[in-house]
Structures are given as structure tokens and as C-alpha cells.
């Protein structure tokens, strides 16, 4: 097994992360044992410890992986859009679309992370900050090209992030309301908050 770790560390790491996501999904964070992840990933405890010192770090790596995926989906979606509110709209739509495609991992990583202590709370805040900064960048571009009047983009982006996160957490948890309703209601509300009418 050590040879596998040396030869293809990324492949082994991906197998471990995939297995961990599957076990966390079925058993929850607290009831998941590393032995089960070893069996599911067809690796060894040594291989897991080579990449992750403990179960907590493994879970946090999954949260990061999910955040990377979301950010990739957003940046791919806006690639062809010029700076401005059009880009902001595309980014918001892409975020909601990504959550609807990956609702199961989102439920594990966002809902289970709540109440798992300071480390997880810090990780959640770090990811919220990361996405708020992304929103802030797009909003500032919209101000710069004259699509909207100057606003405090830092405050607005965190307010938007709070609204998006709250609505998405509820939807991930309960399935309510349908993602189409979220997009139809939330998007115009956020855009109006900065004086933009997207008719």
C-alpha cells in the first residue's frame, strides 16, 4: 500500500475523499469510523493518515473540495460574460444550480458541519468569507462599469451571502421551496437591493 501512496498520491487521496463522502452521507459524521473509510476506499489506515491526520481534517478537506467545486462552477459560468450586473446574475444562478446538482454532498457538508465545534464553525466562516469576496468583486465591477450606483460592496456582499446561505441551508435540509422558486424570488430581491432592475 505504501507503493500506491508513493506512486499515485492524488489518486489515493481522491479515493479516500470519495469514500469518506459516501460513509459520512450514510452514517453521519459522529458515527463514521476510519476503518469504514479504509474498507470503502480500498486503501489502508496508513494511506489515510498520510493525507489526513484525523477524521476532522478529512471532513474539512471535503468541505474545501465542495467549495472549490462551487467556485469553479461560478467562474466557468461567467467566463463569456462582460463585467457588470449580467455577470452577477449568472454567478448567482450558477451557485443555485450547483447546489441543486450536488444537494446530497451539500447537506452532509453544510448541515452536518453545524454544531461540530469551533473548527467547523471557523471553516464555515472562512468559506462564507471566500464567497462574499467573490460577490464583492463582481459587484465592484458592476459599479465600475456604471450598471449600479456606488454601494459599500463589502457590506452588501456579506448581506447577500447571509441571505443566500440561509435560503440554501433551508432548501438543502428540507427540499423547500423548489430551487426554481428560490431563483425567481431571491435573484430579483438581491438585485433590487442595489438598485438594479433586471427586467
Protein backbone atom coordinates (compact mmCIF):
# COMPACT_ATOMS: atom_id res chain seq x y z
CA UNK A 1 0.00 0.00 0.00
CA UNK A 2 2.93 2.35 0.63
CA UNK A 3 3.91 1.96 -3.03
CA UNK A 4 0.43 3.06 -4.11
CA UNK A 5 0.73 6.13 -1.88
CA UNK A 6 4.10 6.97 -3.41
CA UNK A 7 3.09 6.26 -7.00
CA UNK A 8 -0.30 7.96 -7.17
CA UNK A 9 -0.88 10.10 -4.09
CA UNK A 10 -3.60 12.18 -5.79
CA UNK A 11 -5.50 9.09 -6.98
CA UNK A 12 -5.38 7.59 -3.48
CA UNK A 13 -6.43 10.88 -1.91
CA UNK A 14 -9.40 11.19 -4.29
CA UNK A 15 -10.48 7.61 -3.49
CA UNK A 16 -10.31 8.38 0.23
CA UNK A 17 -12.34 11.59 -0.19
CA UNK A 18 -14.99 9.83 -2.33
CA UNK A 19 -15.26 7.01 0.21
CA UNK A 20 -15.43 9.44 3.12
CA UNK A 21 -18.24 11.40 1.46
CA UNK A 22 -20.19 8.20 0.93
CA UNK A 23 -19.75 6.97 4.53
CA UNK A 24 -20.43 10.39 6.07
CA UNK A 25 -23.60 10.54 3.95
CA UNK A 26 -24.85 7.18 5.20
CA UNK A 27 -23.77 7.29 8.83
CA UNK A 28 -23.24 10.93 9.74
CA UNK A 29 -20.01 12.48 10.95
CA UNK A 30 -20.03 11.18 14.54
CA UNK A 31 -20.89 7.57 13.68
CA UNK A 32 -18.34 7.25 10.87
CA UNK A 33 -15.22 5.24 11.73
CA UNK A 34 -11.93 5.47 9.83
CA UNK A 35 -11.95 1.68 9.38
CA UNK A 36 -15.10 2.03 7.27
CA UNK A 37 -13.44 4.65 5.07
CA UNK A 38 -10.40 2.32 4.72
CA UNK A 39 -12.66 -0.52 3.54
CA UNK A 40 -14.73 1.68 1.18
CA UNK A 41 -11.65 3.35 -0.38
CA UNK A 42 -9.69 0.06 -0.59
CA UNK A 43 -6.67 1.75 0.92
CA UNK A 44 -5.01 1.43 4.32
CA UNK A 45 -5.10 3.40 7.55
CA UNK A 46 -1.52 4.42 6.75
CA UNK A 47 -2.66 5.87 3.41
CA UNK A 48 -5.42 7.85 5.13
CA UNK A 49 -3.04 9.18 7.80
CA UNK A 50 -0.53 10.06 5.05
CA UNK A 51 -3.09 12.54 3.65
CA UNK A 52 -5.22 13.39 6.70
CA UNK A 53 -4.06 13.35 10.34
CA UNK A 54 -7.60 12.63 11.63
CA UNK A 55 -11.29 12.34 10.77
CA UNK A 56 -11.87 16.04 11.38
CA UNK A 57 -9.23 17.05 8.80
CA UNK A 58 -10.73 14.59 6.33
CA UNK A 59 -14.16 16.17 6.78
CA UNK A 60 -12.70 19.68 6.42
CA UNK A 61 -10.94 18.60 3.20
CA UNK A 62 -14.34 17.53 1.84
CA UNK A 63 -15.81 20.93 2.74
CA UNK A 64 -12.92 22.63 0.90
CA UNK A 65 -13.36 20.33 -2.09
CA UNK A 66 -17.06 21.24 -2.27
CA UNK A 67 -16.26 24.98 -2.03
CA UNK A 68 -13.68 24.60 -4.83
CA UNK A 69 -16.27 22.87 -6.99
CA UNK A 70 -18.80 25.67 -6.40
CA UNK A 71 -16.26 28.36 -7.20
CA UNK A 72 -15.24 26.51 -10.38
CA UNK A 73 -18.89 26.26 -11.49
CA UNK A 74 -19.34 30.01 -10.96
CA UNK A 75 -16.14 31.07 -12.75
CA UNK A 76 -16.90 28.72 -15.68
CA UNK A 77 -20.45 30.13 -15.94
CA UNK A 78 -19.33 33.77 -16.10
CA UNK A 79 -16.42 33.18 -18.47
CA UNK A 80 -18.09 34.75 -21.50
CA UNK A 81 -19.98 37.49 -19.65
CA UNK A 82 -18.66 41.06 -19.63
CA UNK A 83 -18.18 42.76 -16.22
CA UNK A 84 -21.42 44.15 -14.82
CA UNK A 85 -24.72 43.05 -13.34
CA UNK A 86 -25.18 40.42 -16.05
CA UNK A 87 -22.18 38.63 -14.61
CA UNK A 88 -23.59 38.96 -11.07
CA UNK A 89 -26.87 37.35 -12.20
CA UNK A 90 -25.07 34.49 -13.97
CA UNK A 91 -22.91 33.88 -10.88
CA UNK A 92 -25.95 33.70 -8.58
CA UNK A 93 -27.82 31.39 -10.95
CA UNK A 94 -24.73 29.13 -11.28
CA UNK A 95 -24.43 28.91 -7.47
CA UNK A 96 -28.06 27.81 -7.06
CA UNK A 97 -27.73 25.40 -9.98
CA UNK A 98 -24.61 23.82 -8.43
CA UNK A 99 -26.42 23.37 -5.11
CA UNK A 100 -29.35 21.68 -6.84
CA UNK A 101 -26.98 19.29 -8.68
CA UNK A 102 -24.99 18.50 -5.52
CA UNK A 103 -27.69 18.65 -2.89
CA UNK A 104 -26.61 15.43 -1.14
CA UNK A 105 -22.97 16.45 -0.53
CA UNK A 106 -24.16 19.96 0.35
CA UNK A 107 -26.45 18.51 3.01
CA UNK A 108 -23.64 16.46 4.53
CA UNK A 109 -21.05 19.22 4.43
CA UNK A 110 -23.16 22.23 5.36
CA UNK A 111 -25.79 20.78 7.66
CA UNK A 112 -23.59 18.27 9.50
CA UNK A 113 -20.85 20.88 9.95
CA UNK A 114 -23.25 22.94 12.06
CA UNK A 115 -22.74 22.10 15.71
CA UNK A 116 -19.46 20.22 15.21
CA UNK A 117 -17.44 22.74 17.19
CA UNK A 118 -15.20 25.73 16.69
CA UNK A 119 -13.02 24.17 13.97
CA UNK A 120 -16.01 23.59 11.73
CA UNK A 121 -17.51 26.98 12.53
CA UNK A 122 -14.21 28.62 11.57
CA UNK A 123 -14.20 26.65 8.31
CA UNK A 124 -17.78 27.74 7.56
CA UNK A 125 -16.86 31.38 8.21
CA UNK A 126 -13.75 31.05 6.03
CA UNK A 127 -15.83 29.71 3.12
CA UNK A 128 -18.53 32.35 3.60
CA UNK A 129 -15.78 34.99 3.51
CA UNK A 130 -14.33 33.49 0.35
CA UNK A 131 -17.68 33.63 -1.48
CA UNK A 132 -18.54 37.08 -0.10
CA UNK A 133 -15.25 38.32 -1.60
CA UNK A 134 -16.20 36.76 -4.94
CA UNK A 135 -19.57 38.57 -4.85
CA UNK A 136 -17.82 41.79 -3.81
CA UNK A 137 -15.51 41.57 -6.84
CA UNK A 138 -18.45 41.21 -9.27
CA UNK A 139 -20.43 43.99 -7.57
CA UNK A 140 -17.44 46.35 -7.72
CA UNK A 141 -17.11 45.59 -11.43
CA UNK A 142 -20.80 46.47 -11.85
CA UNK A 143 -20.20 49.80 -10.06
CA UNK A 144 -17.09 50.46 -12.19
CA UNK A 145 -18.94 49.92 -15.50
CA UNK A 146 -21.87 52.07 -14.30
CA UNK A 147 -24.53 49.32 -14.07
CA UNK A 148 -25.30 50.33 -10.47
CA UNK A 149 -24.70 53.36 -8.28
CA UNK A 150 -21.72 53.14 -5.90
CA UNK A 151 -22.53 51.00 -2.84
CA UNK A 152 -20.49 49.62 0.05
CA UNK A 153 -19.72 46.40 -1.81
CA UNK A 154 -18.14 44.76 1.25
CA UNK A 155 -21.26 45.16 3.42
CA UNK A 156 -23.64 44.32 0.55
CA UNK A 157 -21.71 41.17 -0.42
CA UNK A 158 -21.86 39.85 3.18
CA UNK A 159 -25.58 40.67 3.39
CA UNK A 160 -26.15 38.80 0.12
CA UNK A 161 -24.05 35.89 1.33
CA UNK A 162 -26.12 35.69 4.53
CA UNK A 163 -29.39 35.65 2.55
CA UNK A 164 -28.11 33.09 0.03
CA UNK A 165 -26.66 30.83 2.74
CA UNK A 166 -29.81 30.92 4.86
CA UNK A 167 -32.16 30.12 1.99
CA UNK A 168 -29.86 27.39 0.63
CA UNK A 169 -29.35 25.72 4.03
CA UNK A 170 -33.12 25.50 4.49
CA UNK A 171 -33.56 24.12 0.98
CA UNK A 172 -30.73 21.59 1.37
CA UNK A 173 -32.26 20.46 4.66
CA UNK A 174 -35.96 20.30 3.71
CA UNK A 175 -36.15 20.46 -0.09
CA UNK A 176 -38.37 23.52 0.29
CA UNK A 177 -39.03 25.69 -1.59
CA UNK A 178 -38.16 24.31 -5.05
CA UNK A 179 -34.87 25.67 -6.42
CA UNK A 180 -36.76 27.42 -9.28
CA UNK A 181 -38.77 29.40 -6.72
CA UNK A 182 -35.58 30.40 -4.91
CA UNK A 183 -34.07 31.71 -8.13
CA UNK A 184 -37.28 33.51 -9.16
CA UNK A 185 -37.66 35.26 -5.78
CA UNK A 186 -34.16 35.64 -4.38
CA UNK A 187 -32.41 36.90 -7.50
CA UNK A 188 -34.73 39.93 -8.12
CA UNK A 189 -34.68 40.74 -4.38
CA UNK A 190 -30.87 40.84 -4.27
CA UNK A 191 -30.62 42.85 -7.48
CA UNK A 192 -33.23 45.38 -6.31
CA UNK A 193 -31.27 45.84 -3.08
CA UNK A 194 -28.53 47.56 -5.11
CA UNK A 195 -31.00 49.50 -7.26
CA UNK A 196 -30.76 47.23 -10.31
CA UNK A 197 -33.89 46.27 -12.26
CA UNK A 198 -33.22 43.16 -14.29
CA UNK A 199 -36.45 43.20 -16.28
